[in-house]
């Protein structure tokens, strides 16, 4: 199958499943001669975790700023739960929770004080407000530090009350814009666990990142942005299969490797077999499906296997195929 070009992206509403919670159609935004977002359309289903993946400067933050009604598009529309979203409009925004890239809470207030303040702005009062603040502090693992000022938190820890603030009013869609930038590995893992748990509980997510492994871990479906355009969209497996990239099966073995290589080359799923240091490198369309026949052939030829590792193509490979450069270039 030939590699998909940047003009062949299959975007828009998922082909099956519930009606979309979010519909963005033909979004465009230019700043002078710079076109930051160019004709972007996407849809997110209720409860779906959708990842917007691309390098810094791809247009991700501009796109979600328009989706959240913080920035007026030059063209295009956004609807959330069938309500139009826009600058100066109140409609639809009650369905959204936003965790921005920059921290937007008060450092000289405690986590609880920040949330109480935001809850009041959202119309929560009394016992309902207190109960909801307790709930979101528990969700993000801050119940034991609720009374501490945010300025005493580490950078990674400060992301947690931001997520809590986004959840306070029970949004149907939580938008997270690069939530782990500048975060230490331990806090990063904790944030990803929290995000995955929210998705599992039915909250729809729009997650932007330039970290491929985060999007693969958290998201059901992925849109790849580059140069302001949405150039490809689908599940991880759908994106990988469209670029015709083979799985890599690295085999560590001792014995008659030439004979083993000949057996493997005869398999329909195997595209190529090369010798590597102390073993073989096998390129196959379905690497894991080849393993039983590989093991059987090794046993028949009295070849001792000491290690077998299957490496499937990832979203980095997809991005490289579509753009000709690595995701972080």
Protein backbone atom coordinates (compact mmCIF):
# COMPACT_ATOMS: atom_id res chain seq x y z
CA UNK A 1 0.00 0.00 0.00
CA UNK A 2 1.49 3.41 -0.92
CA UNK A 3 2.20 5.99 1.74
CA UNK A 4 -0.58 8.51 2.28
CA UNK A 5 0.17 12.04 1.16
CA UNK A 6 -0.65 15.13 3.16
CA UNK A 7 -3.67 15.79 0.94
CA UNK A 8 -5.20 12.35 1.57
CA UNK A 9 -6.04 12.72 5.25
CA UNK A 10 -9.35 11.10 6.15
CA UNK A 11 -10.75 13.54 8.68
CA UNK A 12 -14.10 14.36 10.20
CA UNK A 13 -16.77 12.40 12.03
CA UNK A 14 -15.91 8.80 12.96
CA UNK A 15 -17.55 6.35 10.55
CA UNK A 16 -19.43 4.51 13.29
CA UNK A 17 -20.54 5.07 16.84
CA UNK A 18 -22.53 7.77 18.61
CA UNK A 19 -23.15 11.26 17.27
CA UNK A 20 -20.14 13.49 17.90
CA UNK A 21 -19.99 15.61 21.03
CA UNK A 22 -17.62 18.03 19.27
CA UNK A 23 -17.73 19.15 15.64
CA UNK A 24 -15.12 21.52 14.22
CA UNK A 25 -15.58 22.34 10.54
CA UNK A 26 -13.20 24.25 8.31
CA UNK A 27 -11.35 26.14 11.03
CA UNK A 28 -8.87 28.70 9.78
CA UNK A 29 -6.78 31.31 11.59
CA UNK A 30 -4.05 33.58 10.24
CA UNK A 31 -1.85 36.08 12.02
CA UNK A 32 -0.76 38.41 9.26
CA UNK A 33 0.92 36.30 6.61
CA UNK A 34 1.26 33.30 8.95
CA UNK A 35 -1.55 30.78 8.56
CA UNK A 36 -1.56 29.05 11.96
CA UNK A 37 -4.58 26.79 11.32
CA UNK A 38 -5.66 25.92 7.79
CA UNK A 39 -9.04 24.26 7.11
CA UNK A 40 -9.08 21.92 10.12
CA UNK A 41 -12.16 19.72 10.64
CA UNK A 42 -12.50 17.08 13.32
CA UNK A 43 -15.09 15.36 15.47
CA UNK A 44 -14.94 13.80 18.93
CA UNK A 45 -17.48 11.28 20.18
CA UNK A 46 -18.87 11.26 23.74
CA UNK A 47 -16.36 9.55 26.02
CA UNK A 48 -13.66 9.40 23.33
CA UNK A 49 -10.03 10.33 24.01
CA UNK A 50 -8.79 12.21 20.95
CA UNK A 51 -5.13 13.15 20.62
CA UNK A 52 -3.89 16.08 18.58
CA UNK A 53 -0.26 15.27 17.84
CA UNK A 54 2.28 17.54 16.21
CA UNK A 55 5.52 19.46 16.74
CA UNK A 56 5.69 22.81 18.49
CA UNK A 57 4.27 25.43 16.12
CA UNK A 58 1.98 22.98 14.30
CA UNK A 59 -1.13 24.97 15.25
CA UNK A 60 -2.46 22.75 18.05
CA UNK A 61 -2.88 25.49 20.67
CA UNK A 62 -4.46 27.88 18.15
CA UNK A 63 -6.91 25.17 17.11
CA UNK A 64 -8.04 24.39 20.65
CA UNK A 65 -8.25 28.10 21.49
CA UNK A 66 -10.84 28.40 18.72
CA UNK A 67 -12.57 25.20 19.85
CA UNK A 68 -12.91 26.60 23.38
CA UNK A 69 -14.19 29.98 22.21
CA UNK A 70 -11.11 31.89 23.35
CA UNK A 71 -10.05 32.92 19.85
CA UNK A 72 -12.26 33.89 16.94
CA UNK A 73 -11.62 31.88 13.76
CA UNK A 74 -11.24 33.64 10.43
CA UNK A 75 -13.42 30.89 8.99
CA UNK A 76 -15.16 27.75 10.19
CA UNK A 77 -17.48 26.71 13.01
CA UNK A 78 -17.36 24.81 16.30
CA UNK A 79 -20.27 23.03 17.97
CA UNK A 80 -20.19 21.20 21.30
CA UNK A 81 -23.28 19.15 22.19
CA UNK A 82 -24.93 20.80 19.15
CA UNK A 83 -24.42 24.28 20.62
CA UNK A 84 -22.27 26.85 18.77
CA UNK A 85 -19.03 27.94 20.42
CA UNK A 86 -17.50 31.35 19.87
CA UNK A 87 -15.86 34.38 21.42
CA UNK A 88 -18.46 36.32 23.40
CA UNK A 89 -20.90 33.39 23.34
CA UNK A 90 -21.94 31.68 26.56
CA UNK A 91 -23.60 28.78 24.76
CA UNK A 92 -21.86 25.44 24.84
CA UNK A 93 -19.00 26.46 27.07
CA UNK A 94 -20.56 24.83 30.13
CA UNK A 95 -19.71 21.51 28.48
CA UNK A 96 -15.99 22.35 28.32
CA UNK A 97 -13.19 22.12 30.84
CA UNK A 98 -9.79 23.55 29.86
CA UNK A 99 -6.33 22.74 31.24
CA UNK A 100 -4.16 25.35 29.47
CA UNK A 101 -0.48 24.97 28.62
CA UNK A 102 0.42 27.85 30.93
CA UNK A 103 -0.45 27.64 34.63
CA UNK A 104 -3.37 29.98 35.31
CA UNK A 105 -3.97 29.66 39.07
CA UNK A 106 -2.91 31.86 41.99
CA UNK A 107 0.36 30.82 43.64
CA UNK A 108 -0.37 32.64 46.90
CA UNK A 109 -3.63 30.73 47.38
CA UNK A 110 -3.96 27.12 48.45
CA UNK A 111 -5.23 24.43 46.11
CA UNK A 112 -8.60 24.48 47.89
CA UNK A 113 -8.83 28.28 47.83
CA UNK A 114 -8.14 28.35 44.09
CA UNK A 115 -10.84 25.78 43.43
CA UNK A 116 -13.39 27.48 45.68
CA UNK A 117 -12.79 30.76 43.86
CA UNK A 118 -13.21 29.16 40.44
CA UNK A 119 -16.23 27.19 41.60
CA UNK A 120 -17.98 30.38 42.69
CA UNK A 121 -17.26 31.95 39.32
CA UNK A 122 -18.93 28.92 37.76
CA UNK A 123 -22.00 29.32 39.93
CA UNK A 124 -21.35 26.61 42.52
CA UNK A 125 -22.27 27.44 46.11
CA UNK A 126 -22.41 26.06 49.65
CA UNK A 127 -22.36 22.32 50.28
CA UNK A 128 -22.39 21.54 46.55
CA UNK A 129 -19.22 23.57 46.03
CA UNK A 130 -17.46 22.06 49.06
CA UNK A 131 -18.36 18.53 48.00
CA UNK A 132 -17.20 19.06 44.43
CA UNK A 133 -13.89 20.62 45.53
CA UNK A 134 -13.24 17.60 47.76
CA UNK A 135 -14.06 15.25 44.88
CA UNK A 136 -11.70 16.81 42.36
CA UNK A 137 -8.89 17.12 44.90
CA UNK A 138 -9.26 13.40 45.50
CA UNK A 139 -9.28 12.66 41.76
CA UNK A 140 -5.94 14.44 41.21
CA UNK A 141 -4.32 13.11 44.38
CA UNK A 142 -4.16 16.40 46.28
CA UNK A 143 -6.51 15.69 49.20
CA UNK A 144 -3.58 15.68 51.64
CA UNK A 145 -2.16 18.98 50.29
CA UNK A 146 -5.40 20.88 49.78
CA UNK A 147 -4.41 23.60 52.26
CA UNK A 148 -0.91 24.21 50.84
CA UNK A 149 -0.21 27.29 48.71
CA UNK A 150 0.49 26.47 45.08
CA UNK A 151 3.80 28.36 45.18
CA UNK A 152 5.10 25.59 47.46
CA UNK A 153 4.30 22.90 44.86
CA UNK A 154 6.80 21.53 42.36
CA UNK A 155 6.21 22.32 38.69
CA UNK A 156 4.75 18.88 38.09
CA UNK A 157 2.55 19.07 41.17
CA UNK A 158 1.14 22.44 40.02
CA UNK A 159 -0.38 20.71 36.99
CA UNK A 160 -2.67 18.70 39.23
CA UNK A 161 -4.81 21.59 40.55
CA UNK A 162 -5.06 22.81 36.94
CA UNK A 163 -6.64 19.49 36.01
CA UNK A 164 -8.86 19.71 39.09
CA UNK A 165 -10.00 23.18 38.02
CA UNK A 166 -10.90 21.88 34.58
CA UNK A 167 -13.03 19.12 36.12
CA UNK A 168 -14.77 21.21 38.78
CA UNK A 169 -18.03 21.81 36.88
CA UNK A 170 -18.26 18.23 35.52
CA UNK A 171 -17.53 19.03 31.85
CA UNK A 172 -18.45 16.58 29.12
CA UNK A 173 -15.17 17.40 27.33
CA UNK A 174 -11.85 18.08 29.06
CA UNK A 175 -9.28 19.85 26.87
CA UNK A 176 -5.66 19.38 27.93
CA UNK A 177 -3.06 21.45 26.08
CA UNK A 178 0.44 19.97 26.52
CA UNK A 179 -0.24 19.14 30.21
CA UNK A 180 3.15 17.51 30.84
CA UNK A 181 5.51 20.12 29.36
CA UNK A 182 8.35 20.79 31.80
CA UNK A 183 7.12 18.10 34.20
CA UNK A 184 9.42 15.60 35.91
CA UNK A 185 8.99 11.89 34.95
CA UNK A 186 7.24 10.90 38.18
CA UNK A 187 4.66 13.71 37.95
CA UNK A 188 4.27 13.09 34.24
CA UNK A 189 3.36 9.47 34.86
CA UNK A 190 0.89 10.49 37.58
CA UNK A 191 -0.79 12.98 35.22
CA UNK A 192 -1.09 10.38 32.45
CA UNK A 193 -2.63 7.91 34.90
CA UNK A 194 -5.18 10.53 35.97
CA UNK A 195 -6.03 11.36 32.36
CA UNK A 196 -6.44 7.68 31.44
CA UNK A 197 -8.72 7.15 34.45
CA UNK A 198 -10.92 10.09 33.40
CA UNK A 199 -11.24 8.65 29.92
CA UNK A 200 -12.13 5.23 31.31
CA UNK A 201 -14.90 6.85 33.38
CA UNK A 202 -16.50 8.38 30.26
CA UNK A 203 -15.13 11.93 30.10
CA UNK A 204 -14.36 12.93 26.52
CA UNK A 205 -10.80 14.20 26.14
CA UNK A 206 -8.98 16.40 23.65
CA UNK A 207 -5.30 15.93 24.42
CA UNK A 208 -2.63 17.92 22.58
CA UNK A 209 1.03 16.94 22.72
CA UNK A 210 4.25 16.65 20.76
CA UNK A 211 5.12 13.53 22.78
CA UNK A 212 4.14 10.56 20.63
CA UNK A 213 4.29 8.06 23.50
CA UNK A 214 1.79 10.07 25.58
CA UNK A 215 -0.78 10.18 22.80
CA UNK A 216 -0.35 6.46 22.12
CA UNK A 217 -0.86 5.70 25.81
CA UNK A 218 -3.91 7.90 26.43
CA UNK A 219 -5.86 8.32 23.20
CA UNK A 220 -8.35 6.19 21.25
CA UNK A 221 -7.92 8.18 18.07
CA UNK A 222 -5.24 10.57 16.84
CA UNK A 223 -5.14 13.56 14.53
CA UNK A 224 -1.69 14.55 13.25
CA UNK A 225 -1.11 18.27 12.67
CA UNK A 226 1.72 19.88 10.76
CA UNK A 227 1.99 23.34 9.31
CA UNK A 228 -1.48 24.26 10.52
CA UNK A 229 -3.19 21.38 8.72
CA UNK A 230 -4.68 18.12 9.93
CA UNK A 231 -2.78 15.74 7.65
CA UNK A 232 -3.97 12.36 8.95
CA UNK A 233 -6.45 10.93 11.43
CA UNK A 234 -7.39 7.52 12.82
CA UNK A 235 -6.56 4.93 15.44
CA UNK A 236 -2.89 4.14 15.96
CA UNK A 237 -3.22 0.92 13.97
CA UNK A 238 -5.12 2.62 11.14
CA UNK A 239 -2.43 5.28 10.81
CA UNK A 240 0.40 2.76 10.87
CA UNK A 241 -1.16 0.45 8.26
CA UNK A 242 -1.73 3.36 5.86
CA UNK A 243 2.00 4.04 5.56
CA UNK A 244 2.81 0.39 4.78
CA UNK A 245 5.50 0.17 7.49
CA UNK A 246 6.66 -3.30 8.50
CA UNK A 247 7.03 -4.69 11.99
CA UNK A 248 10.63 -5.41 13.04
CA UNK A 249 11.29 -8.81 14.62
CA UNK A 250 14.76 -8.91 16.18
CA UNK A 251 15.94 -12.47 16.79
CA UNK A 252 18.90 -13.42 18.99
CA UNK A 253 19.96 -16.98 18.21
CA UNK A 254 22.79 -19.52 17.84
CA UNK A 255 22.98 -22.21 15.19
CA UNK A 256 22.33 -22.44 11.45
CA UNK A 257 21.01 -18.92 10.96
CA UNK A 258 21.21 -19.16 7.16
CA UNK A 259 18.81 -22.08 7.17
CA UNK A 260 16.48 -20.29 9.58
CA UNK A 261 16.56 -17.18 7.40
CA UNK A 262 15.62 -19.27 4.33
CA UNK A 263 12.64 -20.79 6.15
CA UNK A 264 11.43 -17.36 7.25
CA UNK A 265 11.78 -15.82 3.79
CA UNK A 266 9.32 -18.40 2.50
CA UNK A 267 6.54 -17.06 4.76
CA UNK A 268 3.94 -14.85 3.08
CA UNK A 269 3.97 -12.27 5.90
CA UNK A 270 7.77 -11.83 5.76
CA UNK A 271 9.12 -9.10 3.50
CA UNK A 272 12.82 -9.29 4.32
CA UNK A 273 15.31 -11.18 6.50
CA UNK A 274 18.81 -9.88 7.22
CA UNK A 275 21.63 -11.07 9.42
CA UNK A 276 22.36 -8.92 12.46
CA UNK A 277 24.94 -9.28 15.22
CA UNK A 278 24.22 -12.64 16.80
CA UNK A 279 20.86 -13.13 15.10
CA UNK A 280 18.41 -12.06 12.44
CA UNK A 281 16.34 -8.98 11.66
CA UNK A 282 12.97 -9.90 10.17
CA UNK A 283 10.62 -7.36 8.53
CA UNK A 284 7.03 -8.61 8.49
CA UNK A 285 3.55 -7.23 7.95
CA UNK A 286 2.32 -8.85 11.19
CA UNK A 287 5.35 -9.49 13.35
CA UNK A 288 3.53 -11.21 16.21
CA UNK A 289 1.73 -13.57 13.83
CA UNK A 290 5.12 -14.78 12.55
CA UNK A 291 6.36 -15.82 16.00
CA UNK A 292 4.80 -19.34 16.17
CA UNK A 293 6.27 -20.27 12.77
CA UNK A 294 9.63 -18.72 13.72
CA UNK A 295 9.78 -20.79 16.91
CA UNK A 296 8.71 -23.97 15.10
CA UNK A 297 11.35 -23.45 12.39
CA UNK A 298 14.07 -22.82 14.99
CA UNK A 299 13.17 -26.02 16.83
CA UNK A 300 13.18 -28.05 13.60
CA UNK A 301 16.62 -26.70 12.67
CA UNK A 302 18.01 -27.03 16.21
CA UNK A 303 18.60 -23.27 16.39
CA UNK A 304 18.75 -21.97 19.98
CA UNK A 305 16.69 -18.81 20.47
CA UNK A 306 17.93 -16.55 23.27
CA UNK A 307 15.67 -13.57 22.59
CA UNK A 308 12.89 -12.38 20.30
CA UNK A 309 11.58 -8.79 20.29
CA UNK A 310 8.81 -7.36 18.11
CA UNK A 311 8.89 -3.62 17.43
CA UNK A 312 5.74 -2.30 15.75
CA UNK A 313 5.77 0.99 13.80
CA UNK A 314 4.72 3.93 15.93
CA UNK A 315 3.27 7.38 15.38
CA UNK A 316 6.78 8.79 15.00
CA UNK A 317 7.17 6.59 11.91
CA UNK A 318 3.81 7.82 10.61
CA UNK A 319 4.79 11.45 11.05
CA UNK A 320 8.16 10.87 9.37
CA UNK A 321 6.46 9.18 6.42
CA UNK A 322 3.90 11.95 5.99
CA UNK A 323 6.20 14.95 6.41
CA UNK A 324 9.69 13.70 5.67
CA UNK A 325 10.97 14.79 9.08
CA UNK A 326 10.94 13.55 12.66
CA UNK A 327 8.23 14.74 15.03
CA UNK A 328 10.67 16.78 17.16
CA UNK A 329 12.71 18.33 14.32
